[in-house]
Amino acid sequence: MTTEIKNAIIESTTLTLNEGHGIPSCMIHLNYGGSSQGFGGYDLRYYGLKMITRILETVGEERWEDLPGNHVRARIEGGLIVAIGHIMEDKWYYPKAEDKKQDGKDL
């Protein structure tokens, strides 16, 4: 599987209670400078506050509303963003990998 890291700017964010089908979720809309892609769409009933907290910690912000305008890195595998990272520091958030660690499963 091809892996690439792209720099991006967070254009906007979405935090919704009912994504059209009863699932609360969040989305970060990234601009790569000519193209864009979303990171998120995970079911917050499962990933919950930990996901929002980890995104804020990784980007380096205190409030969800302050995420737009921040520069980040996106790790893309098979065309999908699997993690976001701080633009300068070696801080990454991999939702599925952290979830497996929490459940005691191997990565």
Protein backbone atom coordinates (compact mmCIF):
# COMPACT_ATOMS: atom_id res chain seq x y z
CA MET A 1 0.00 0.00 0.00
CA THR A 2 1.33 3.42 -0.92
CA THR A 3 1.85 5.84 1.95
CA GLU A 4 2.42 9.55 1.54
CA ILE A 5 2.64 12.54 3.85
CA LYS A 6 1.13 15.83 2.66
CA ASN A 7 1.16 19.27 4.24
CA ALA A 8 -2.25 20.89 4.49
CA ILE A 9 -4.19 23.77 6.00
CA ILE A 10 -7.37 23.09 7.95
CA GLU A 11 -10.03 24.99 5.97
CA SER A 12 -12.98 24.20 8.20
CA THR A 13 -14.35 21.72 10.70
CA THR A 14 -17.69 20.07 11.27
CA LEU A 15 -19.03 18.64 14.51
CA THR A 16 -22.48 17.15 14.09
CA LEU A 17 -24.94 15.27 16.24
CA ASN A 18 -26.72 13.55 13.37
CA GLU A 19 -24.75 13.09 10.15
CA GLY A 20 -27.96 12.47 8.22
CA HIS A 21 -28.25 8.92 9.52
CA GLY A 22 -28.18 9.23 13.31
CA ILE A 23 -24.42 9.10 13.83
CA PRO A 24 -22.61 11.91 15.69
CA SER A 25 -19.29 12.65 14.02
CA CYS A 26 -16.62 15.22 13.31
CA MET A 27 -14.77 16.15 10.14
CA ILE A 28 -11.69 18.25 9.44
CA HIS A 29 -11.58 19.65 5.91
CA LEU A 30 -7.98 19.89 4.65
CA ASN A 31 -6.66 21.95 1.75
CA TYR A 32 -3.46 20.70 0.11
CA GLY A 33 -3.14 23.77 -2.11
CA GLY A 34 -5.03 22.82 -5.22
CA SER A 35 -6.96 19.84 -3.86
CA SER A 36 -8.78 19.04 -0.65
CA GLN A 37 -9.81 16.05 1.44
CA GLY A 38 -11.65 15.35 4.68
CA PHE A 39 -10.37 13.59 7.79
CA GLY A 40 -12.94 12.18 10.15
CA GLY A 41 -16.41 10.77 9.80
CA TYR A 42 -15.77 8.41 12.70
CA ASP A 43 -18.70 7.47 14.93
CA LEU A 44 -18.36 9.63 18.04
CA ARG A 45 -20.57 7.23 19.99
CA TYR A 46 -17.54 4.96 19.86
CA TYR A 47 -14.50 7.28 19.50
CA GLY A 48 -16.09 10.06 21.54
CA LEU A 49 -14.38 12.80 23.45
CA LYS A 50 -11.01 11.06 23.15
CA MET A 51 -11.00 11.71 19.39
CA ILE A 52 -11.79 15.39 19.77
CA THR A 53 -9.24 15.76 22.57
CA ARG A 54 -6.50 13.98 20.60
CA ILE A 55 -7.14 16.10 17.49
CA LEU A 56 -6.84 19.29 19.57
CA GLU A 57 -3.68 18.04 21.31
CA THR A 58 -2.07 17.01 18.03
CA VAL A 59 -2.76 20.29 16.25
CA GLY A 60 -1.90 22.33 19.35
CA GLU A 61 -5.18 24.12 19.97
CA GLU A 62 -7.47 24.41 22.98
CA ARG A 63 -10.79 24.92 21.17
CA TRP A 64 -12.42 23.12 18.23
CA GLU A 65 -13.37 26.50 16.77
CA ASP A 66 -9.67 27.47 16.54
CA LEU A 67 -8.66 24.56 14.29
CA PRO A 68 -9.32 26.31 10.92
CA GLY A 69 -6.22 28.06 9.62
CA ASN A 70 -3.78 25.66 11.30
CA HIS A 71 -1.16 23.87 9.22
CA VAL A 72 -0.99 20.09 9.67
CA ARG A 73 0.41 16.99 8.00
CA ALA A 74 -1.79 14.22 6.66
CA ARG A 75 -0.68 10.59 6.41
CA ILE A 76 -2.47 9.03 3.47
CA GLU A 77 -2.69 5.30 2.82
CA GLY A 78 -4.62 3.90 -0.10
CA GLY A 79 -6.06 7.35 -0.82
CA LEU A 80 -7.51 7.79 2.70
CA ILE A 81 -6.20 9.96 5.53
CA VAL A 82 -5.31 7.59 8.35
CA ALA A 83 -3.63 10.15 10.63
CA ILE A 84 -3.01 13.84 11.09
CA GLY A 85 0.13 15.32 12.52
CA HIS A 86 1.46 18.55 13.95
CA ILE A 87 3.16 20.56 11.21
CA MET A 88 6.51 20.92 13.06
CA GLU A 89 6.57 18.43 15.92
CA ASP A 90 6.54 14.65 15.76
CA LYS A 91 2.99 14.43 17.15
CA TRP A 92 0.47 12.27 15.28
CA TYR A 93 -3.06 11.07 15.85
CA TYR A 94 -3.98 7.69 14.33
CA PRO A 95 -7.59 6.99 15.40
CA LYS A 96 -7.71 3.31 14.50
CA ALA A 97 -4.22 2.54 15.80
CA GLU A 98 -4.89 4.20 19.16
CA ASP A 99 -8.20 2.37 19.38
CA LYS A 100 -6.42 -0.97 18.91
CA LYS A 101 -3.88 -0.10 21.61
CA GLN A 102 -6.70 0.77 23.98
CA ASP A 103 -8.37 -2.60 23.31
CA GLY A 104 -5.09 -4.45 23.92
CA LYS A 105 -4.84 -5.64 20.31
CA ASP A 106 -1.66 -5.60 18.25
CA LEU A 107 -1.22 -2.84 15.67
